[in-house]
Structures are given as C-alpha cells and as structure tokens.
Protein backbone atom coordinates (compact mmCIF):
# COMPACT_ATOMS: atom_id res chain seq x y z
CA UNK A 1 155.56 154.94 52.77
CA UNK A 2 157.25 157.08 50.10
CA UNK A 3 157.91 160.66 51.01
CA UNK A 4 156.51 163.41 48.81
CA UNK A 5 156.05 166.94 50.08
CA UNK A 6 155.16 170.47 48.86
CA UNK A 7 157.16 173.58 49.63
CA UNK A 8 156.30 177.22 49.16
CA UNK A 9 158.96 179.04 47.09
CA UNK A 10 157.68 182.54 47.93
CA UNK A 11 160.72 183.36 50.01
CA UNK A 12 163.24 181.65 47.69
CA UNK A 13 165.65 183.95 45.96
CA UNK A 14 165.45 182.09 42.63
CA UNK A 15 161.63 182.38 42.66
CA UNK A 16 161.71 186.07 43.50
CA UNK A 17 164.15 186.70 40.71
CA UNK A 18 162.05 184.71 38.30
CA UNK A 19 158.94 186.66 39.33
CA UNK A 20 160.67 190.02 38.82
CA UNK A 21 161.77 188.85 35.27
CA UNK A 22 158.19 187.67 34.56
CA UNK A 23 156.60 190.92 35.75
CA UNK A 24 159.00 192.95 33.61
CA UNK A 25 158.24 190.76 30.58
CA UNK A 26 154.49 191.12 31.25
CA UNK A 27 154.75 194.93 31.25
CA UNK A 28 156.46 194.56 27.87
CA UNK A 29 153.53 192.65 26.51
CA UNK A 30 154.56 189.02 27.12
CA UNK A 31 151.70 186.55 27.63
CA UNK A 32 153.80 183.72 29.12
CA UNK A 33 152.65 182.10 32.45
CA UNK A 34 154.17 183.17 35.77
CA UNK A 35 156.79 180.86 37.34
CA UNK A 36 155.46 178.11 39.61
CA UNK A 37 155.37 179.08 43.23
CA UNK A 38 154.77 175.61 44.67
CA UNK A 39 157.37 172.86 44.34
CA UNK A 40 156.59 169.21 44.74
CA UNK A 41 159.62 167.31 46.02
CA UNK A 42 160.27 163.58 46.44
CA UNK A 43 162.92 160.92 46.39
CA UNK A 44 162.88 158.42 43.51
CA UNK A 45 163.62 154.68 43.87
CA UNK A 46 167.25 155.51 43.15
CA UNK A 47 167.34 157.64 46.31
CA UNK A 48 167.96 160.87 44.39
CA UNK A 49 165.84 163.95 45.03
CA UNK A 50 163.41 165.07 42.39
CA UNK A 51 161.31 168.20 42.07
CA UNK A 52 158.49 169.64 39.91
CA UNK A 53 157.00 173.14 40.14
CA UNK A 54 153.34 173.95 39.94
CA UNK A 55 151.54 177.32 39.77
CA UNK A 56 148.75 176.57 42.17
CA UNK A 57 148.23 174.64 45.39
CA UNK A 58 145.54 172.30 43.87
CA UNK A 59 147.92 171.43 41.00
CA UNK A 60 150.72 170.69 43.49
CA UNK A 61 148.45 168.52 45.69
CA UNK A 62 147.18 166.59 42.66
CA UNK A 63 150.76 165.94 41.55
CA UNK A 64 151.69 164.91 45.10
CA UNK A 65 148.89 162.36 45.23
CA UNK A 66 149.74 160.98 41.81
CA UNK A 67 153.38 160.58 42.78
CA UNK A 68 152.52 158.87 46.05
CA UNK A 69 150.38 156.33 44.24
CA UNK A 70 152.97 155.59 41.53
CA UNK A 71 155.73 155.24 44.05
CA UNK A 72 153.63 153.08 46.36
CA UNK A 73 152.52 150.72 43.46
CA UNK A 74 155.90 150.52 41.80
CA UNK A 75 154.71 152.21 38.61
CA UNK A 76 156.82 155.26 39.08
CA UNK A 77 158.96 156.52 36.20
CA UNK A 78 161.48 159.39 36.47
CA UNK A 79 160.12 162.18 34.23
CA UNK A 80 163.60 163.01 33.13
CA UNK A 81 164.19 159.48 31.82
CA UNK A 82 161.18 159.88 29.42
CA UNK A 83 163.08 162.76 27.72
CA UNK A 84 165.66 160.35 26.37
CA UNK A 85 165.67 160.45 22.58
CA UNK A 86 164.16 157.44 20.77
CA UNK A 87 167.48 157.18 18.86
CA UNK A 88 169.30 156.54 22.12
CA UNK A 89 166.82 153.94 23.34
CA UNK A 90 166.77 152.21 19.90
CA UNK A 91 170.53 151.84 19.80
CA UNK A 92 170.54 150.68 23.38
CA UNK A 93 167.91 148.00 22.53
CA UNK A 94 169.77 146.80 19.56
CA UNK A 95 173.00 146.54 21.49
CA UNK A 96 171.25 144.44 24.16
CA UNK A 97 170.27 141.70 21.69
CA UNK A 98 172.09 138.47 22.62
CA UNK A 99 169.92 135.48 21.45
CA UNK A 100 169.35 136.62 17.90
CA UNK A 101 171.66 135.51 15.12
CA UNK A 102 173.74 138.00 13.11
CA UNK A 103 171.29 137.84 10.15
CA UNK A 104 168.40 138.76 12.40
CA UNK A 105 170.28 141.57 14.10
CA UNK A 106 171.33 142.98 10.74
CA UNK A 107 167.71 142.92 9.55
CA UNK A 108 166.66 144.87 12.70
CA UNK A 109 169.50 147.31 12.18
CA UNK A 110 168.35 147.96 8.65
CA UNK A 111 164.78 148.57 9.68
CA UNK A 112 165.95 150.92 12.44
CA UNK A 113 168.10 152.95 10.08
CA UNK A 114 165.62 153.07 7.20
CA UNK A 115 162.27 153.58 9.03
CA UNK A 116 162.34 153.93 12.77
CA UNK A 117 165.17 156.33 13.49
CA UNK A 118 164.39 158.74 10.52
CA UNK A 119 160.89 159.11 11.84
CA UNK A 120 161.32 158.91 15.64
CA UNK A 121 164.96 159.33 16.34
CA UNK A 122 164.80 162.89 17.67
CA UNK A 123 161.51 162.47 19.54
CA UNK A 124 161.64 162.24 23.33
CA UNK A 125 160.62 158.66 24.28
CA UNK A 126 157.83 159.83 26.55
CA UNK A 127 156.37 162.13 23.83
CA UNK A 128 155.48 159.24 21.52
CA UNK A 129 151.75 158.63 21.86
CA UNK A 130 149.46 155.93 20.63
CA UNK A 131 147.88 158.27 18.01
CA UNK A 132 151.35 159.24 16.68
CA UNK A 133 152.26 155.58 16.08
CA UNK A 134 148.87 154.86 14.55
CA UNK A 135 149.27 157.71 12.06
CA UNK A 136 152.79 156.37 11.21
CA UNK A 137 151.42 152.94 10.38
CA UNK A 138 148.93 154.59 8.01
CA UNK A 139 151.82 156.38 6.35
CA UNK A 140 153.72 153.17 5.95
CA UNK A 141 150.67 151.65 4.29
CA UNK A 142 150.05 154.60 1.96
CA UNK A 143 153.55 155.74 0.90
CA UNK A 144 156.32 153.94 -0.99
CA UNK A 145 159.12 152.49 1.04
CA UNK A 146 162.74 153.48 0.85
CA UNK A 147 163.23 151.43 -2.34
CA UNK A 148 160.41 153.20 -4.11
CA UNK A 149 157.93 150.34 -4.04
CA UNK A 150 154.84 149.85 -1.86
CA UNK A 151 155.56 148.12 1.41
CA UNK A 152 153.94 144.70 1.80
CA UNK A 153 152.02 143.73 4.97
CA UNK A 154 154.81 141.57 6.25
CA UNK A 155 157.35 144.39 5.82
CA UNK A 156 155.12 146.85 7.59
CA UNK A 157 154.57 144.47 10.46
CA UNK A 158 158.32 143.91 10.85
CA UNK A 159 158.98 147.65 10.90
CA UNK A 160 156.23 148.05 13.53
CA UNK A 161 157.69 145.18 15.55
CA UNK A 162 161.08 146.88 15.73
CA UNK A 163 159.56 150.13 17.02
CA UNK A 164 157.45 148.10 19.46
CA UNK A 165 160.59 146.29 20.73
CA UNK A 166 162.33 149.66 21.23
CA UNK A 167 159.40 150.93 23.27
CA UNK A 168 159.20 147.70 25.30
CA UNK A 169 162.87 148.28 26.13
CA UNK A 170 161.92 151.85 27.26
CA UNK A 171 159.35 150.36 29.61
CA UNK A 172 161.77 147.76 30.99
CA UNK A 173 164.42 150.46 31.61
CA UNK A 174 161.87 152.60 33.42
CA UNK A 175 161.80 155.44 30.94
CA UNK A 176 158.04 155.18 30.24
CA UNK A 177 155.20 153.40 32.05
CA UNK A 178 153.29 152.03 29.01
CA UNK A 179 154.36 151.40 25.48
CA UNK A 180 152.44 153.28 22.77
CA UNK A 181 152.77 150.22 20.55
CA UNK A 182 149.72 148.10 21.36
CA UNK A 183 146.44 147.21 19.72
CA UNK A 184 147.12 148.96 16.41
CA UNK A 185 145.26 147.73 13.35
CA UNK A 186 148.08 146.41 11.25
CA UNK A 187 147.75 145.32 7.64
CA UNK A 188 146.86 141.62 7.45
CA UNK A 189 149.61 139.11 6.64
CA UNK A 190 147.25 136.18 6.35
CA UNK A 191 146.90 136.35 2.59
CA UNK A 192 147.29 132.75 1.48
CA UNK A 193 147.69 133.49 -2.24
CA UNK A 194 151.42 132.66 -2.23
CA UNK A 195 150.92 129.49 -0.23
CA UNK A 196 151.36 126.35 -2.30
CA UNK A 197 150.09 123.07 -0.94
CA UNK A 198 151.42 120.13 -2.89
CA UNK A 199 149.74 116.82 -2.75
CA UNK A 200 151.58 113.58 -1.88
CA UNK A 201 151.73 112.73 -5.59
CA UNK A 202 153.07 116.16 -6.56
CA UNK A 203 155.69 116.13 -3.74
CA UNK A 204 156.93 112.60 -4.71
CA UNK A 205 157.06 113.51 -8.37
CA UNK A 206 159.13 116.62 -7.55
CA UNK A 207 161.48 114.61 -5.41
CA UNK A 208 161.90 111.93 -8.06
CA UNK A 209 162.85 114.63 -10.58
CA UNK A 210 165.53 116.06 -8.27
CA UNK A 211 168.01 113.21 -8.70
CA UNK A 212 170.65 113.13 -5.97
CA UNK A 213 168.61 115.64 -3.90
CA UNK A 214 165.32 113.74 -3.80
CA UNK A 215 165.79 112.79 -0.12
CA UNK A 216 166.62 116.44 0.63
CA UNK A 217 163.40 117.56 -1.00
CA UNK A 218 161.35 114.97 0.86
CA UNK A 219 162.92 116.19 4.12
CA UNK A 220 161.72 119.70 3.37
CA UNK A 221 158.31 118.55 2.23
CA UNK A 222 157.55 116.14 5.05
CA UNK A 223 159.15 117.88 8.10
CA UNK A 224 158.61 121.56 7.24
CA UNK A 225 162.06 122.64 8.38
CA UNK A 226 163.58 125.77 6.96
CA UNK A 227 166.25 125.83 4.28
CA UNK A 228 169.02 127.02 6.69
CA UNK A 229 168.00 124.35 9.18
CA UNK A 230 167.96 121.56 6.56
CA UNK A 231 171.46 122.26 5.26
CA UNK A 232 172.78 122.35 8.83
CA UNK A 233 171.52 118.87 9.80
CA UNK A 234 174.34 116.68 11.18
CA UNK A 235 174.62 112.94 11.25
CA UNK A 236 174.70 112.86 15.08
CA UNK A 237 171.32 114.65 15.23
CA UNK A 238 169.58 112.20 12.86
CA UNK A 239 168.03 109.48 14.99
CA UNK A 240 166.54 107.01 12.54
CA UNK A 241 165.56 104.44 15.17
CA UNK A 242 163.32 107.08 16.82
CA UNK A 243 162.42 108.56 13.41
CA UNK A 244 163.44 112.02 14.63
CA UNK A 245 165.77 114.74 13.48
CA UNK A 246 166.95 117.20 16.06
CA UNK A 247 166.95 120.82 14.74
CA UNK A 248 169.49 122.77 16.86
CA UNK A 249 171.31 125.06 14.43
CA UNK A 250 170.83 126.82 11.08
CA UNK A 251 173.02 128.37 8.42
CA UNK A 252 172.51 132.02 7.51
CA UNK A 253 173.94 133.74 4.37
CA UNK A 254 175.78 136.82 5.67
CA UNK A 255 177.19 138.92 2.85
CA UNK A 256 177.86 135.81 0.80
CA UNK A 257 179.33 133.80 3.68
CA UNK A 258 177.45 131.02 5.39
CA UNK A 259 177.49 131.29 9.22
CA UNK A 260 176.23 128.65 11.54
CA UNK A 261 174.00 129.96 14.34
CA UNK A 262 170.87 129.33 16.39
CA UNK A 263 167.56 128.41 14.81
CA UNK A 264 164.93 131.09 14.28
CA UNK A 265 163.06 132.04 17.42
CA UNK A 266 165.52 129.74 19.28
CA UNK A 267 162.93 127.00 18.85
CA UNK A 268 165.13 123.92 19.05
CA UNK A 269 162.98 120.91 18.39
CA UNK A 270 162.71 117.40 17.15
CA UNK A 271 160.76 116.75 13.88
CA UNK A 272 159.16 113.45 13.00
CA UNK A 273 160.03 111.31 9.97
CA UNK A 274 157.60 108.94 8.18
CA UNK A 275 158.92 105.44 8.68
CA UNK A 276 159.43 104.69 4.99
CA UNK A 277 161.15 107.92 4.45
CA UNK A 278 163.47 107.55 7.46
CA UNK A 279 165.07 104.50 5.84
CA UNK A 280 165.98 106.61 2.80
CA UNK A 281 168.23 108.68 5.03
CA UNK A 282 170.25 105.71 6.25
CA UNK A 283 172.78 105.69 3.42
CA UNK A 284 173.51 109.34 4.21
CA UNK A 285 174.01 108.60 7.94
CA UNK A 286 175.41 105.12 8.55
CA UNK A 287 179.19 105.03 8.98
CA UNK A 288 179.72 108.71 8.81
CA UNK A 289 181.15 111.01 11.54
CA UNK A 290 178.64 112.48 13.90
CA UNK A 291 179.54 116.09 13.07
CA UNK A 292 179.31 115.50 9.27
CA UNK A 293 176.60 117.30 7.35
CA UNK A 294 173.81 114.98 6.06
CA UNK A 295 173.21 117.04 2.97
CA UNK A 296 176.06 118.58 1.07
CA UNK A 297 176.88 120.37 -2.10
CA UNK A 298 178.26 118.25 -4.94
CA UNK A 299 181.77 119.56 -4.21
CA UNK A 300 181.31 119.04 -0.49
CA UNK A 301 180.45 121.48 2.27
CA UNK A 302 177.14 123.11 3.00
CA UNK A 303 174.68 123.64 0.18
CA UNK A 304 174.17 127.19 -1.15
CA UNK A 305 170.64 128.36 -2.05
CA UNK A 306 171.41 130.14 -5.37
CA UNK A 307 173.42 127.23 -6.73
CA UNK A 308 170.74 124.69 -5.68
CA UNK A 309 167.96 126.75 -7.32
CA UNK A 310 169.81 127.18 -10.60
CA UNK A 311 171.39 123.75 -10.86
CA UNK A 312 168.79 121.44 -9.36
CA UNK A 313 165.54 122.94 -8.10
CA UNK A 314 164.30 124.85 -11.17
CA UNK A 315 164.92 121.83 -13.36
CA UNK A 316 163.06 119.47 -11.01
CA UNK A 317 160.11 121.89 -10.78
CA UNK A 318 159.85 122.13 -14.60
CA UNK A 319 160.21 118.38 -15.06
CA UNK A 320 157.51 117.70 -12.44
CA UNK A 321 155.09 119.98 -14.29
CA UNK A 322 154.91 122.48 -11.42
CA UNK A 323 156.33 125.57 -13.07
CA UNK A 324 154.08 128.59 -12.94
CA UNK A 325 153.25 127.98 -9.28
CA UNK A 326 156.16 130.18 -8.09
CA UNK A 327 157.28 127.22 -5.96
CA UNK A 328 160.40 127.66 -3.86
CA UNK A 329 162.15 125.28 -1.41
CA UNK A 330 160.93 127.48 1.46
CA UNK A 331 157.35 126.98 0.39
CA UNK A 332 157.61 123.26 0.99
CA UNK A 333 156.97 124.31 4.69
CA UNK A 334 153.40 124.99 3.61
CA UNK A 335 153.14 121.56 2.02
CA UNK A 336 154.45 119.92 5.22
CA UNK A 337 151.88 121.81 7.30
CA UNK A 338 149.02 120.89 5.02
CA UNK A 339 149.93 117.25 4.78
CA UNK A 340 150.33 117.05 8.64
CA UNK A 341 146.94 118.71 9.20
CA UNK A 342 145.20 116.44 6.70
CA UNK A 343 146.76 113.49 8.58
CA UNK A 344 145.06 114.72 11.85
CA UNK A 345 147.82 116.73 13.46
CA UNK A 346 146.60 119.39 15.94
CA UNK A 347 147.84 122.96 16.12
CA UNK A 348 150.46 122.23 18.83
CA UNK A 349 151.94 119.42 16.89
CA UNK A 350 152.23 121.64 13.74
CA UNK A 351 153.67 124.48 15.81
CA UNK A 352 156.43 122.34 17.26
CA UNK A 353 157.14 120.76 13.86
CA UNK A 354 157.55 124.08 12.11
CA UNK A 355 159.33 125.88 15.00
CA UNK A 356 156.78 128.61 15.33
CA UNK A 357 157.08 130.82 18.41
CA UNK A 358 153.45 130.23 19.44
CA UNK A 359 150.41 128.22 18.47
CA UNK A 360 148.66 131.52 17.74
CA UNK A 361 151.17 132.15 14.93
CA UNK A 362 150.47 128.70 13.50
CA UNK A 363 146.73 129.40 13.53
CA UNK A 364 147.24 132.74 11.86
CA UNK A 365 149.02 131.07 9.00
CA UNK A 366 147.34 127.73 8.67
CA UNK A 367 144.08 127.96 10.63
CA UNK A 368 142.06 127.81 7.40
CA UNK A 369 143.38 124.30 6.72
CA UNK A 370 141.80 122.73 9.80
CA UNK A 371 138.20 121.60 9.30
CA UNK A 372 135.85 123.81 11.33
CA UNK A 373 133.99 120.78 12.71
CA UNK A 374 130.85 122.91 13.20
CA UNK A 375 128.58 120.12 11.90
CA UNK A 376 130.13 117.78 14.53
CA UNK A 377 129.33 120.22 17.30
CA UNK A 378 125.80 120.69 16.04
CA UNK A 379 125.31 116.91 15.92
CA UNK A 380 126.52 116.45 19.47
CA UNK A 381 124.17 119.25 20.65
CA UNK A 382 121.31 117.57 18.81
CA UNK A 383 122.08 114.26 20.61
CA UNK A 384 122.17 116.00 23.95
CA UNK A 385 118.95 117.87 23.36
CA UNK A 386 117.23 114.67 22.13
CA UNK A 387 118.22 112.79 25.29
CA UNK A 388 116.95 115.66 27.49
CA UNK A 389 113.58 115.79 25.67
CA UNK A 390 113.29 112.02 26.02
CA UNK A 391 113.87 112.15 29.75
CA UNK A 392 111.30 114.99 30.11
CA UNK A 393 108.67 113.06 28.18
CA UNK A 394 109.31 109.95 30.26
CA UNK A 395 109.03 111.92 33.47
CA UNK A 396 105.80 113.54 32.36
CA UNK A 397 104.01 110.18 31.66
CA UNK A 398 101.58 109.43 34.57
CA UNK A 399 102.19 106.19 36.37
C-alpha cells in the first residue's frame, strides 16, 4: 500500500515566516491567498519524496485520497514532470525515432519547426488541454500556412499527427496521464476528386505508349506499389514462379540524393503478379545478379522521378489520350486498388497489397469502391422470413 500522509506546518519556521509575510502584505492591501498550512507528503514510484501544500484540511484529505488511488492503480504522474516544456518533449520524441527513414524524420522535423513548436513550444506539457488543441485545429483550418496558402486536409492531419505523437510520448514517459490529442474533428481527407481509376484498356494503352518502360508502368498499375518501392525492386526479390514480388526497401530523394531505406510504415510485403504479366518481367530478371535492380535509368542506376516524368511519362500520357486527368505515376496505386476490388479482392487483400498500416486506412480511402451489397442482405432476409412464415403456416394447419 503506498504511503501518503498529511502534516501540520503550524510549528514550522518556514510556514511561520510565510504567514508573517502574508499578514504584512495583507495589511498593505494585498488580496493574495495565505500560504498553505497543511502539507500532503508521499513517495513516488522513483522512491523520491514529494510534497504539495493545501490551505484546508478537506483539501489536503481530498488530495491524499486522489494520490493513494493513482499510486495504487499505477496511473500516478509526478506533477513536476508535467511542467516540462512541450519543446523539450517534442525534441525528445523526435530523437527517439528509430524505425522511420530519413525522409520521414525530416518531414516530422519540418512540421515541428513550422507549426508545433511555434505554437506549443513554451507551454508546460500538462497545461495543454483538449480545448486548446481543438481551437488550434480550427486555426489551422482557417488561417494560411507558413507558405501563405491555405493548408489542405492532409497537411492539417499530418501536423496534428505530429503533436499527437509528441503527447503520446509525454504519456509514455509519465509526464501526463492522458493525451489531449484524441477525438478531435479533423478536416476530411477522403475527397476522391484527385483519384484516377484507369480501366484495363486505359492502363494497357498507357503502358504501350511508354516504350521501354511499359513493364514498369504495368508493375505500378497492377501491384499498387509506390514509386520509391518500384525503383528499388531487386532481381533476387522477384519470384516469377510464385508470381510474387517482395517489397522490402524503397528509395527516398533526400536533397537530390537517392537513399535506400525501409518501406513506408515498415510494411514489408509480397505483392501478386497476374500470370501473363509475370512473364513480361522474365527478360529483366533471368541471368542477372540477385542484387541488380530490375528497373533502371537508361544510363544505369536507379530511376529518378523528375527525369522519368519529363522524358517518358508525360509523353506516354499524352500519346494515350489521358492528358488533362492530372495523372501521375503515384496515382496508379488508385488504379491498382480499383482493379483489384473489381476483381473481388477484400479489404485485407488490398491493404496488404498497397502496404497500408491498417484495413481502416484502406477503407477510408477506397471504401466507396466496394459494392454495398445491401440488396444481397435484403434478399437473404427475405428468404429467411419466407421460410419462417411457411413453417408457421404449416404448424397452424389442423391435422
């Protein structure tokens, strides 16, 4: 049982001195409260003594009971820890990131420096309340960002995610008991206007117009892998017999330099290949070293996005009659998802194929593509009800 006790400071020299100073200030017209006579004392989980003063016995007893419950249930947090500045906790959180690639960490650092720390940096961590965060989200929605333009829903959600991660770190390090970043009404990012879903005919026409990169475009359009993942595919991870490609790494462009790192969300996975398409990859795989890249730039080495867009992609899009759709290589992920769903893939299959962190994320983005099947449910209910009515009628017929 944790030990929490109350002591009377009436005979303590520091209390008597504080009372004399207060009485003198009161005679001079001060309206400040008198010093607390009752001191609640306890030992924290770290074994160090803690103390808090209260002005009345009921206040001290209430604080004593609250501390006993928190210490007993393991929900205790040192009040002094909550006074740590958000800036300190934010930098501590960012420094603790180990799984994320350099590009992701740089993105988080940018959002910390542009939005989180300027707003919250000097706040005490324990002082940030749910309402404060909610008002901040409204400000992000209503005011221009640091670049002078209105922040989009995705950008706002990413900024909020960074603050939420900082506060989760504060909970894990026992600075606060509960994060203020929960159940906020964030701007929707499910606007599908920029999603482009090519048909099989459109995808094949685009690939045919891409010349030497037609197999690469089919890979993007039928597997849904990201650009950085596609250009990092190695021969040894392309299993044509099983019709699978193992996605284990991805390239990121860091200040003009390509760096090989982990895949996004660390979702290593295998993606399926249509049988006919798998054979198209064979000339790029057979007889080559296992660590060789399957897809390379014309001059060798990994492909670079700006060069590919300018030299190959834009021309293929125009030749295929798809200009005006704002089609990008990345948006072929949407085509892959839509084609898989139309072929009968369930949400878990699409999640694994695309490397989403959760099925909920997949549903948020592509849920509208699955047929709602409401008529099927109604038909099954009709059949069940009809069978029940038939049995009741049979049972009611006199023998």
